[in-house]
Amino acid sequence: MRPHQISLETAQKLAKALGIPIEQVMHMPQHVLIQKLIEIEKADKKEER
Protein backbone atom coordinates (compact mmCIF):
# COMPACT_ATOMS: atom_id res chain seq x y z
CA MET A 1 0.00 0.00 0.00
CA ARG A 2 1.38 3.41 -1.01
CA PRO A 3 1.41 6.31 1.45
CA HIS A 4 -1.34 8.89 0.87
CA GLN A 5 -0.63 12.01 -1.14
CA ILE A 6 -1.58 14.50 1.57
CA SER A 7 0.34 17.47 2.87
CA LEU A 8 2.51 17.26 5.96
CA GLU A 9 0.25 19.82 7.64
CA THR A 10 -2.82 17.65 7.04
CA ALA A 11 -1.02 14.54 8.26
CA GLN A 12 0.12 16.34 11.41
CA LYS A 13 -3.38 17.67 12.09
CA LEU A 14 -4.87 14.20 11.66
CA ALA A 15 -2.22 12.56 13.82
CA LYS A 16 -2.79 15.10 16.60
CA ALA A 17 -6.59 14.88 16.38
CA LEU A 18 -6.58 11.08 16.35
CA GLY A 19 -3.74 10.65 18.84
CA ILE A 20 -1.76 8.36 16.54
CA PRO A 21 1.68 8.59 14.87
CA ILE A 22 1.97 10.28 11.46
CA GLU A 23 3.22 7.02 9.96
CA GLN A 24 -0.03 5.32 10.91
CA VAL A 25 -2.06 8.14 9.33
CA MET A 26 -0.10 7.83 6.08
CA HIS A 27 -0.79 4.10 5.79
CA MET A 28 -4.41 4.14 6.97
CA PRO A 29 -6.94 2.81 4.40
CA GLN A 30 -8.19 5.68 2.25
CA HIS A 31 -11.87 5.27 3.14
CA VAL A 32 -11.00 5.46 6.86
CA LEU A 33 -8.81 8.52 6.29
CA ILE A 34 -11.60 10.33 4.45
CA GLN A 35 -14.10 9.49 7.19
CA LYS A 36 -11.74 10.82 9.87
CA LEU A 37 -11.19 14.03 7.89
CA ILE A 38 -14.95 14.55 7.68
CA GLU A 39 -15.35 13.96 11.43
CA ILE A 40 -12.59 16.44 12.27
CA GLU A 41 -14.03 19.05 9.91
CA LYS A 42 -17.48 18.70 11.50
CA ALA A 43 -15.95 19.07 14.98
CA ASP A 44 -14.02 22.19 13.88
CA LYS A 45 -17.16 23.80 12.48
CA LYS A 46 -19.11 22.94 15.63
CA GLU A 47 -16.43 24.60 17.83
CA GLU A 48 -16.57 27.80 15.74
CA ARG A 49 -20.26 28.34 16.52
C-alpha atoms as a PDB file:
ATOM      1  CA  MET A   1       0.000   0.000   0.000  1.00  0.00           C
ATOM      2  CA  ARG A   2       1.377   3.412  -1.008  1.00  0.00           C
ATOM      3  CA  PRO A   3       1.410   6.312   1.454  1.00  0.00           C
ATOM      4  CA  HIS A   4      -1.340   8.887   0.865  1.00  0.00           C
ATOM      5  CA  GLN A   5      -0.632  12.007  -1.140  1.00  0.00           C
ATOM      6  CA  ILE A   6      -1.584  14.501   1.572  1.00  0.00           C
ATOM      7  CA  SER A   7       0.340  17.469   2.870  1.00  0.00           C
ATOM      8  CA  LEU A   8       2.511  17.261   5.956  1.00  0.00           C
ATOM      9  CA  GLU A   9       0.248  19.818   7.643  1.00  0.00           C
ATOM     10  CA  THR A  10      -2.817  17.651   7.041  1.00  0.00           C
ATOM     11  CA  ALA A  11      -1.022  14.535   8.257  1.00  0.00           C
ATOM     12  CA  GLN A  12       0.123  16.336  11.412  1.00  0.00           C
ATOM     13  CA  LYS A  13      -3.376  17.672  12.090  1.00  0.00           C
ATOM     14  CA  LEU A  14      -4.871  14.205  11.663  1.00  0.00           C
ATOM     15  CA  ALA A  15      -2.222  12.560  13.824  1.00  0.00           C
ATOM     16  CA  LYS A  16      -2.793  15.099  16.599  1.00  0.00           C
ATOM     17  CA  ALA A  17      -6.593  14.881  16.379  1.00  0.00           C
ATOM     18  CA  LEU A  18      -6.581  11.077  16.352  1.00  0.00           C
ATOM     19  CA  GLY A  19      -3.738  10.651  18.835  1.00  0.00           C
ATOM     20  CA  ILE A  20      -1.761   8.364  16.539  1.00  0.00           C
ATOM     21  CA  PRO A  21       1.681   8.589  14.865  1.00  0.00           C
ATOM     22  CA  ILE A  22       1.965  10.280  11.459  1.00  0.00           C
ATOM     23  CA  GLU A  23       3.221   7.016   9.958  1.00  0.00           C
ATOM     24  CA  GLN A  24      -0.028   5.315  10.912  1.00  0.00           C
ATOM     25  CA  VAL A  25      -2.056   8.143   9.327  1.00  0.00           C
ATOM     26  CA  MET A  26      -0.101   7.830   6.084  1.00  0.00           C
ATOM     27  CA  HIS A  27      -0.792   4.097   5.793  1.00  0.00           C
ATOM     28  CA  MET A  28      -4.411   4.137   6.973  1.00  0.00           C
ATOM     29  CA  PRO A  29      -6.939   2.807   4.399  1.00  0.00           C
ATOM     30  CA  GLN A  30      -8.186   5.684   2.250  1.00  0.00           C
ATOM     31  CA  HIS A  31     -11.872   5.270   3.141  1.00  0.00           C
ATOM     32  CA  VAL A  32     -11.004   5.461   6.861  1.00  0.00           C
ATOM     33  CA  LEU A  33      -8.807   8.518   6.291  1.00  0.00           C
ATOM     34  CA  ILE A  34     -11.596  10.331   4.448  1.00  0.00           C
ATOM     35  CA  GLN A  35     -14.101   9.489   7.187  1.00  0.00           C
ATOM     36  CA  LYS A  36     -11.740  10.822   9.874  1.00  0.00           C
ATOM     37  CA  LEU A  37     -11.187  14.033   7.893  1.00  0.00           C
ATOM     38  CA  ILE A  38     -14.953  14.545   7.682  1.00  0.00           C
ATOM     39  CA  GLU A  39     -15.355  13.958  11.432  1.00  0.00           C
ATOM     40  CA  ILE A  40     -12.585  16.442  12.268  1.00  0.00           C
ATOM     41  CA  GLU A  41     -14.029  19.053   9.910  1.00  0.00           C
ATOM     42  CA  LYS A  42     -17.477  18.702  11.499  1.00  0.00           C
ATOM     43  CA  ALA A  43     -15.954  19.065  14.981  1.00  0.00           C
ATOM     44  CA  ASP A  44     -14.022  22.189  13.884  1.00  0.00           C
ATOM     45  CA  LYS A  45     -17.163  23.803  12.483  1.00  0.00           C
ATOM     46  CA  LYS A  46     -19.107  22.944  15.634  1.00  0.00           C
ATOM     47  CA  GLU A  47     -16.426  24.603  17.825  1.00  0.00           C
ATOM     48  CA  GLU A  48     -16.573  27.799  15.744  1.00  0.00           C
ATOM     49  CA  ARG A  49     -20.258  28.344  16.524  1.00  0.00           C
END
